[in-house]
Structure formats: structure tokens, C-alpha cells
C-alpha atoms as a PDB file:
ATOM      1  CA  MET A   1     -40.533  65.085-133.585  1.00  0.00           C
ATOM      2  CA  THR A   2     -43.816  63.597-132.385  1.00  0.00           C
ATOM      3  CA  SER A   3     -46.633  65.029-130.349  1.00  0.00           C
ATOM      4  CA  GLY A   4     -49.699  63.816-128.549  1.00  0.00           C
ATOM      5  CA  GLY A   5     -50.580  67.249-127.195  1.00  0.00           C
ATOM      6  CA  ARG A   6     -54.013  68.734-127.621  1.00  0.00           C
ATOM      7  CA  SER A   7     -54.890  72.072-129.168  1.00  0.00           C
ATOM      8  CA  ARG A   8     -57.629  74.343-127.825  1.00  0.00           C
ATOM      9  CA  SER A   9     -60.030  72.906-130.402  1.00  0.00           C
ATOM     10  CA  GLY A  10     -59.589  69.388-128.975  1.00  0.00           C
ATOM     11  CA  MET A  11     -57.680  68.086-131.993  1.00  0.00           C
ATOM     12  CA  LEU A  12     -54.416  66.252-131.593  1.00  0.00           C
ATOM     13  CA  ASN A  13     -51.549  68.388-132.795  1.00  0.00           C
ATOM     14  CA  PHE A  14     -49.867  65.943-135.182  1.00  0.00           C
ATOM     15  CA  PHE A  15     -48.390  62.533-135.836  1.00  0.00           C
ATOM     16  CA  ILE A  16     -45.348  61.673-137.884  1.00  0.00           C
ATOM     17  CA  LEU A  17     -45.651  58.267-139.491  1.00  0.00           C
ATOM     18  CA  GLU A  18     -43.426  56.117-141.660  1.00  0.00           C
ATOM     19  CA  SER A  19     -43.872  55.942-145.413  1.00  0.00           C
ATOM     20  CA  GLN A  20     -45.595  52.572-145.584  1.00  0.00           C
ATOM     21  CA  ASN A  21     -48.635  53.535-147.577  1.00  0.00           C
ATOM     22  CA  MET A  22     -47.622  55.701-150.525  1.00  0.00           C
ATOM     23  CA  ASN A  23     -49.333  54.736-153.752  1.00  0.00           C
ATOM     24  CA  ALA A  24     -47.589  54.261-157.096  1.00  0.00           C
ATOM     25  CA  ASP A  25     -48.044  57.949-157.927  1.00  0.00           C
ATOM     26  CA  GLY A  26     -46.191  59.009-154.783  1.00  0.00           C
ATOM     27  CA  LYS A  27     -49.406  60.409-153.305  1.00  0.00           C
ATOM     28  CA  CYS A  28     -50.075  60.079-149.594  1.00  0.00           C
ATOM     29  CA  SER A  29     -52.556  57.219-149.376  1.00  0.00           C
ATOM     30  CA  PHE A  30     -54.280  57.748-146.048  1.00  0.00           C
ATOM     31  CA  ASP A  31     -57.595  57.103-147.751  1.00  0.00           C
ATOM     32  CA  GLU A  32     -57.196  53.404-146.954  1.00  0.00           C
ATOM     33  CA  GLN A  33     -56.135  54.214-143.400  1.00  0.00           C
ATOM     34  CA  GLU A  34     -59.095  56.539-142.875  1.00  0.00           C
ATOM     35  CA  GLY A  35     -61.457  53.899-144.216  1.00  0.00           C
ATOM     36  CA  LYS A  36     -60.164  51.512-141.567  1.00  0.00           C
ATOM     37  CA  ASN A  37     -60.178  54.071-138.731  1.00  0.00           C
ATOM     38  CA  GLY A  38     -63.242  56.238-139.276  1.00  0.00           C
ATOM     39  CA  LEU A  39     -66.140  53.830-139.629  1.00  0.00           C
ATOM     40  CA  GLY A  40     -67.615  53.423-136.184  1.00  0.00           C
ATOM     41  CA  ASN A  41     -71.128  52.029-136.719  1.00  0.00           C
ATOM     42  CA  HIS A  42     -71.579  53.591-140.144  1.00  0.00           C
ATOM     43  CA  GLU A  43     -72.143  51.702-143.366  1.00  0.00           C
ATOM     44  CA  HIS A  44     -71.125  54.395-145.826  1.00  0.00           C
ATOM     45  CA  ALA A  45     -69.159  57.605-146.311  1.00  0.00           C
ATOM     46  CA  ASP A  46     -69.793  60.633-148.521  1.00  0.00           C
ATOM     47  CA  TYR A  47     -67.110  61.653-151.029  1.00  0.00           C
ATOM     48  CA  ILE A  48     -66.623  64.878-152.964  1.00  0.00           C
ATOM     49  CA  VAL A  49     -64.888  63.872-156.201  1.00  0.00           C
ATOM     50  CA  THR A  50     -63.406  66.943-157.896  1.00  0.00           C
ATOM     51  CA  GLY A  51     -60.307  65.507-159.580  1.00  0.00           C
ATOM     52  CA  ALA A  52     -57.754  62.731-159.880  1.00  0.00           C
ATOM     53  CA  TRP A  53     -56.783  62.489-156.196  1.00  0.00           C
ATOM     54  CA  SER A  54     -60.296  62.419-154.749  1.00  0.00           C
ATOM     55  CA  SER A  55     -61.332  59.946-157.449  1.00  0.00           C
ATOM     56  CA  LYS A  56     -58.506  57.608-156.408  1.00  0.00           C
ATOM     57  CA  ALA A  57     -59.413  58.110-152.745  1.00  0.00           C
ATOM     58  CA  ALA A  58     -63.031  57.090-153.393  1.00  0.00           C
ATOM     59  CA  GLU A  59     -61.903  53.985-155.275  1.00  0.00           C
ATOM     60  CA  GLU A  60     -59.581  52.971-152.440  1.00  0.00           C
ATOM     61  CA  ALA A  61     -62.223  53.605-149.766  1.00  0.00           C
ATOM     62  CA  GLU A  62     -64.670  51.283-151.541  1.00  0.00           C
ATOM     63  CA  LYS A  63     -62.565  48.371-150.281  1.00  0.00           C
ATOM     64  CA  TYR A  64     -63.660  49.182-146.711  1.00  0.00           C
ATOM     65  CA  ILE A  65     -66.923  51.123-146.808  1.00  0.00           C
ATOM     66  CA  LYS A  66     -69.746  51.923-149.197  1.00  0.00           C
ATOM     67  CA  VAL A  67     -68.886  55.203-150.930  1.00  0.00           C
ATOM     68  CA  LYS A  68     -71.610  57.694-151.865  1.00  0.00           C
ATOM     69  CA  LYS A  69     -70.556  60.570-154.098  1.00  0.00           C
ATOM     70  CA  VAL A  70     -72.383  63.781-153.139  1.00  0.00           C
ATOM     71  CA  PHE A  71     -72.699  64.666-156.825  1.00  0.00           C
ATOM     72  CA  GLN A  72     -72.026  62.806-160.059  1.00  0.00           C
ATOM     73  CA  PRO A  73     -68.496  63.828-161.082  1.00  0.00           C
ATOM     74  CA  SER A  74     -67.876  64.540-164.737  1.00  0.00           C
ATOM     75  CA  LYS A  75     -64.674  64.837-166.708  1.00  0.00           C
ATOM     76  CA  PRO A  76     -62.912  66.989-167.448  1.00  0.00           C
ATOM     77  CA  TYR A  77     -62.749  68.232-163.875  1.00  0.00           C
ATOM     78  CA  VAL A  78     -62.955  72.014-164.119  1.00  0.00           C
ATOM     79  CA  THR A  79     -64.776  73.291-161.032  1.00  0.00           C
ATOM     80  CA  VAL A  80     -66.442  72.421-157.737  1.00  0.00           C
ATOM     81  CA  PRO A  81     -70.190  72.132-158.396  1.00  0.00           C
ATOM     82  CA  ASP A  82     -72.573  74.343-156.422  1.00  0.00           C
ATOM     83  CA  GLN A  83     -72.997  72.855-152.932  1.00  0.00           C
ATOM     84  CA  GLU A  84     -76.749  73.521-153.063  1.00  0.00           C
ATOM     85  CA  LYS A  85     -77.003  70.683-155.588  1.00  0.00           C
ATOM     86  CA  TRP A  86     -75.083  68.115-153.535  1.00  0.00           C
ATOM     87  CA  THR A  87     -76.812  65.133-151.942  1.00  0.00           C
ATOM     88  CA  HIS A  88     -75.530  64.711-148.375  1.00  0.00           C
ATOM     89  CA  ASP A  89     -76.343  61.963-145.926  1.00  0.00           C
ATOM     90  CA  GLU A  90     -76.231  62.839-142.221  1.00  0.00           C
ATOM     91  CA  LYS A  91     -75.771  59.127-141.467  1.00  0.00           C
ATOM     92  CA  ALA A  92     -72.453  59.042-143.331  1.00  0.00           C
ATOM     93  CA  ALA A  93     -69.315  58.120-141.373  1.00  0.00           C
ATOM     94  CA  TYR A  94     -67.602  61.204-142.790  1.00  0.00           C
ATOM     95  CA  LEU A  95     -67.427  63.570-145.777  1.00  0.00           C
ATOM     96  CA  TYR A  96     -64.122  63.321-147.636  1.00  0.00           C
ATOM     97  CA  TYR A  97     -62.599  65.951-149.922  1.00  0.00           C
ATOM     98  CA  CYS A  98     -59.216  66.802-151.415  1.00  0.00           C
ATOM     99  CA  ALA A  99     -58.469  70.438-150.542  1.00  0.00           C
ATOM    100  CA  ASN A 100     -56.345  71.033-153.647  1.00  0.00           C
ATOM    101  CA  GLU A 101     -56.594  68.867-156.754  1.00  0.00           C
ATOM    102  CA  THR A 102     -53.216  69.751-158.277  1.00  0.00           C
ATOM    103  CA  VAL A 103     -53.680  67.686-161.441  1.00  0.00           C
ATOM    104  CA  HIS A 104     -56.741  69.693-162.457  1.00  0.00           C
ATOM    105  CA  GLY A 105     -56.118  72.947-160.567  1.00  0.00           C
ATOM    106  CA  ILE A 106     -59.239  72.780-158.395  1.00  0.00           C
ATOM    107  CA  GLU A 107     -58.911  74.058-154.819  1.00  0.00           C
ATOM    108  CA  PHE A 108     -61.370  74.554-151.995  1.00  0.00           C
ATOM    109  CA  THR A 109     -60.588  78.107-150.970  1.00  0.00           C
ATOM    110  CA  PRO A 110     -61.026  80.013-148.788  1.00  0.00           C
ATOM    111  CA  THR A 111     -63.396  77.679-146.939  1.00  0.00           C
ATOM    112  CA  ALA A 112     -64.028  73.967-146.697  1.00  0.00           C
ATOM    113  CA  PRO A 113     -67.285  72.390-147.878  1.00  0.00           C
ATOM    114  CA  GLU A 114     -70.272  72.350-145.532  1.00  0.00           C
ATOM    115  CA  SER A 115     -70.037  69.316-143.240  1.00  0.00           C
ATOM    116  CA  HIS A 116     -73.756  68.588-142.801  1.00  0.00           C
ATOM    117  CA  ASN A 117     -73.107  67.325-139.257  1.00  0.00           C
ATOM    118  CA  VAL A 118     -70.577  64.633-140.167  1.00  0.00           C
ATOM    119  CA  PRO A 119     -66.806  64.871-139.681  1.00  0.00           C
ATOM    120  CA  LEU A 120     -64.924  66.372-142.606  1.00  0.00           C
ATOM    121  CA  ILE A 121     -61.897  64.411-143.791  1.00  0.00           C
ATOM    122  CA  ALA A 122     -59.446  66.561-145.768  1.00  0.00           C
ATOM    123  CA  ASP A 123     -56.412  65.601-147.844  1.00  0.00           C
ATOM    124  CA  VAL A 124     -54.228  68.727-147.649  1.00  0.00           C
ATOM    125  CA  SER A 125     -51.115  67.258-149.280  1.00  0.00           C
ATOM    126  CA  ALA A 126     -50.881  70.004-151.902  1.00  0.00           C
ATOM    127  CA  ASN A 127     -51.631  73.036-149.737  1.00  0.00           C
ATOM    128  CA  PHE A 128     -50.607  72.157-146.193  1.00  0.00           C
ATOM    129  CA  MET A 129     -48.841  75.154-144.605  1.00  0.00           C
ATOM    130  CA  ALA A 130     -49.343  77.139-147.845  1.00  0.00           C
ATOM    131  CA  ARG A 131     -52.304  79.151-146.529  1.00  0.00           C
ATOM    132  CA  PRO A 132     -54.440  79.465-143.387  1.00  0.00           C
ATOM    133  CA  PHE A 133     -56.677  76.460-142.779  1.00  0.00           C
ATOM    134  CA  ASP A 134     -59.900  76.409-140.745  1.00  0.00           C
ATOM    135  CA  PHE A 135     -60.148  73.149-138.787  1.00  0.00           C
ATOM    136  CA  LYS A 136     -63.801  73.740-137.886  1.00  0.00           C
ATOM    137  CA  ASP A 137     -65.929  70.631-138.485  1.00  0.00           C
ATOM    138  CA  HIS A 138     -62.894  68.546-139.505  1.00  0.00           C
ATOM    139  CA  GLY A 139     -62.427  65.121-137.967  1.00  0.00           C
ATOM    140  CA  VAL A 140     -59.210  64.208-139.746  1.00  0.00           C
ATOM    141  CA  VAL A 141     -56.807  66.360-141.746  1.00  0.00           C
ATOM    142  CA  PHE A 142     -53.929  64.537-143.407  1.00  0.00           C
ATOM    143  CA  GLY A 143     -51.334  64.987-146.065  1.00  0.00           C
ATOM    144  CA  GLY A 144     -47.970  64.099-147.455  1.00  0.00           C
ATOM    145  CA  ALA A 145     -45.375  66.663-146.432  1.00  0.00           C
ATOM    146  CA  GLN A 146     -43.315  66.481-149.617  1.00  0.00           C
ATOM    147  CA  LYS A 147     -44.784  69.554-151.319  1.00  0.00           C
ATOM    148  CA  ASN A 148     -44.698  72.206-148.593  1.00  0.00           C
ATOM    149  CA  LEU A 149     -43.290  70.880-145.354  1.00  0.00           C
ATOM    150  CA  GLY A 150     -40.659  68.168-145.503  1.00  0.00           C
ATOM    151  CA  ALA A 151     -39.143  65.089-147.021  1.00  0.00           C
ATOM    152  CA  ALA A 152     -41.002  62.764-149.379  1.00  0.00           C
ATOM    153  CA  GLY A 153     -42.629  59.932-147.440  1.00  0.00           C
ATOM    154  CA  LEU A 154     -43.324  62.055-144.362  1.00  0.00           C
ATOM    155  CA  LYS A 155     -47.015  62.376-143.498  1.00  0.00           C
ATOM    156  CA  ILE A 156     -48.959  64.580-141.122  1.00  0.00           C
ATOM    157  CA  VAL A 157     -52.266  63.422-139.600  1.00  0.00           C
ATOM    158  CA  ILE A 158     -54.424  65.609-137.359  1.00  0.00           C
ATOM    159  CA  VAL A 159     -57.209  63.647-135.670  1.00  0.00           C
ATOM    160  CA  ARG A 160     -60.087  64.927-133.571  1.00  0.00           C
ATOM    161  CA  LYS A 161     -60.065  63.226-130.183  1.00  0.00           C
ATOM    162  CA  ASP A 162     -63.615  61.783-130.377  1.00  0.00           C
ATOM    163  CA  LEU A 163     -62.763  59.827-133.549  1.00  0.00           C
ATOM    164  CA  ILE A 164     -59.867  57.889-132.045  1.00  0.00           C
ATOM    165  CA  GLY A 165     -60.640  54.213-131.493  1.00  0.00           C
ATOM    166  CA  LYS A 166     -63.386  53.957-134.129  1.00  0.00           C
ATOM    167  CA  LYS A 167     -61.704  51.391-136.329  1.00  0.00           C
ATOM    168  CA  GLN A 168     -62.543  48.200-138.148  1.00  0.00           C
ATOM    169  CA  GLY A 169     -61.392  44.870-136.751  1.00  0.00           C
ATOM    170  CA  ILE A 170     -59.109  44.416-139.769  1.00  0.00           C
ATOM    171  CA  THR A 171     -57.162  47.625-139.057  1.00  0.00           C
ATOM    172  CA  PRO A 172     -53.497  46.764-138.488  1.00  0.00           C
ATOM    173  CA  ALA A 173     -52.161  48.155-135.211  1.00  0.00           C
ATOM    174  CA  VAL A 174     -49.555  50.186-137.103  1.00  0.00           C
ATOM    175  CA  PHE A 175     -52.414  52.127-138.793  1.00  0.00           C
ATOM    176  CA  SER A 176     -54.626  52.478-135.709  1.00  0.00           C
ATOM    177  CA  TYR A 177     -54.804  56.058-134.429  1.00  0.00           C
ATOM    178  CA  LYS A 178     -55.393  54.704-130.913  1.00  0.00           C
ATOM    179  CA  GLU A 179     -52.207  52.603-131.051  1.00  0.00           C
ATOM    180  CA  ILE A 180     -50.197  55.456-132.532  1.00  0.00           C
ATOM    181  CA  ILE A 181     -51.226  57.738-129.655  1.00  0.00           C
ATOM    182  CA  ALA A 182     -50.653  55.063-127.011  1.00  0.00           C
ATOM    183  CA  ASN A 183     -47.101  54.696-128.338  1.00  0.00           C
ATOM    184  CA  ASN A 184     -46.373  58.438-128.673  1.00  0.00           C
ATOM    185  CA  SER A 185     -46.294  58.088-132.474  1.00  0.00           C
ATOM    186  CA  LEU A 186     -43.534  55.478-132.171  1.00  0.00           C
ATOM    187  CA  TYR A 187     -45.435  52.205-132.620  1.00  0.00           C
ATOM    188  CA  ASN A 188     -42.932  51.405-135.344  1.00  0.00           C
ATOM    189  CA  THR A 189     -39.494  52.875-135.980  1.00  0.00           C
ATOM    190  CA  PRO A 190     -39.772  56.218-137.777  1.00  0.00           C
ATOM    191  CA  PRO A 191     -37.388  56.976-140.631  1.00  0.00           C
ATOM    192  CA  TYR A 192     -34.164  58.530-139.444  1.00  0.00           C
ATOM    193  CA  TRP A 193     -31.257  59.883-141.436  1.00  0.00           C
ATOM    194  CA  ARG A 194     -27.937  60.609-139.790  1.00  0.00           C
ATOM    195  CA  ASN A 195     -25.043  62.586-141.157  1.00  0.00           C
ATOM    196  CA  LEU A 196     -21.824  60.836-140.328  1.00  0.00           C
ATOM    197  CA  HIS A 197     -18.651  62.884-140.215  1.00  0.00           C
ATOM    198  CA  SER A 198     -15.171  61.463-139.998  1.00  0.00           C
END
């Protein structure tokens, strides 16, 4: 069920983690985990806010890092603004986006946003395994598996090797990518359901 193997692109294949950080809406809340893991020596991160999920992600990330929105979001969310008008910062820790904003029907397709030489962080909860995905320029790809892949509470995290170990001092070991890898994704006991037959 777990893997620490590497793909040709240098990204770890996947991790399966327990459901310890779902928010009240049932959405995979790795935004907090990424904020604790992806900082390195950076003071801020860029966020693309195109709907409800990315808005919540930006709010959560503000607890751990200064958030800069690449454009001023406006409601109602109806489209992804032209990337030529975005304000990027090449000193950002990462550029976060939600690949499919299901509440407002906004999806990045067929390609991801331009990275501007920082790692892309993508929440793919709503479209994971639903269509081909280009991992180019991505540092972390994560999502809840409940929509397209598996049971509610199951999460998938794909982390580029060079980003492992760049965490804040306050990051709990159970949320540290480095600790998860060192323990073959079994730092804590994963959920397990058994069918008992008499």
C-alpha cells in the first residue's frame, strides 16, 4: 500500500497517510502541511485563488507563511484570469493552485499555470486520476482520494525529492515528508479495515 520508489522524473511515487487533517468541509487539508514542509529559507508563497478551495488554502497557509496572491481574486469566481496579468515572485517558496475548483466549476486544463521558476503545488482532489496530468515543474501534488480513487480520508501526496526536509521547526514529525519517507509511510498506523467472517 505504500511506496518510497522514485519515478523517472525524480518524484516520489506516492504516500498514503491517515485522515488526521481533514477540514470541516471534508476537504483534504494539506495546505497546512505544505506550509510547514515547503518553506526552506523563503518568507512568502504565491497563491492562485480561483475559488472556494484555493481561498481556504490561502487562509490556512497564512498561519505559517506570508501569502501573496498573484492577482486580486474577485467574486463570483467565474474564470482563471489571463496569466499575463499575474504578479509572480521568483523568490516565493512555491506557487499554489487548486487544479479543479468544484464549487465554482473552474479547472486548469489542459495545462498547469506557468511556474516562474518556483515549485508548483497542486491540489488535485477533484480531478486526480480523472485525466492525464503533467507533473512538469510541480514540487508537490496532493489530494483527497474520495472523489476518484478511494475511500474518504485517504490522501495521496507526490513530493519532488529536492523538497524533502525543507520544513519549519514546528512541523510535527507525523506531517514531515522526511519522517514519512524514513518510515516507509508508516510513521503512524494507517487506517485498516478488515472483513471478519465466521
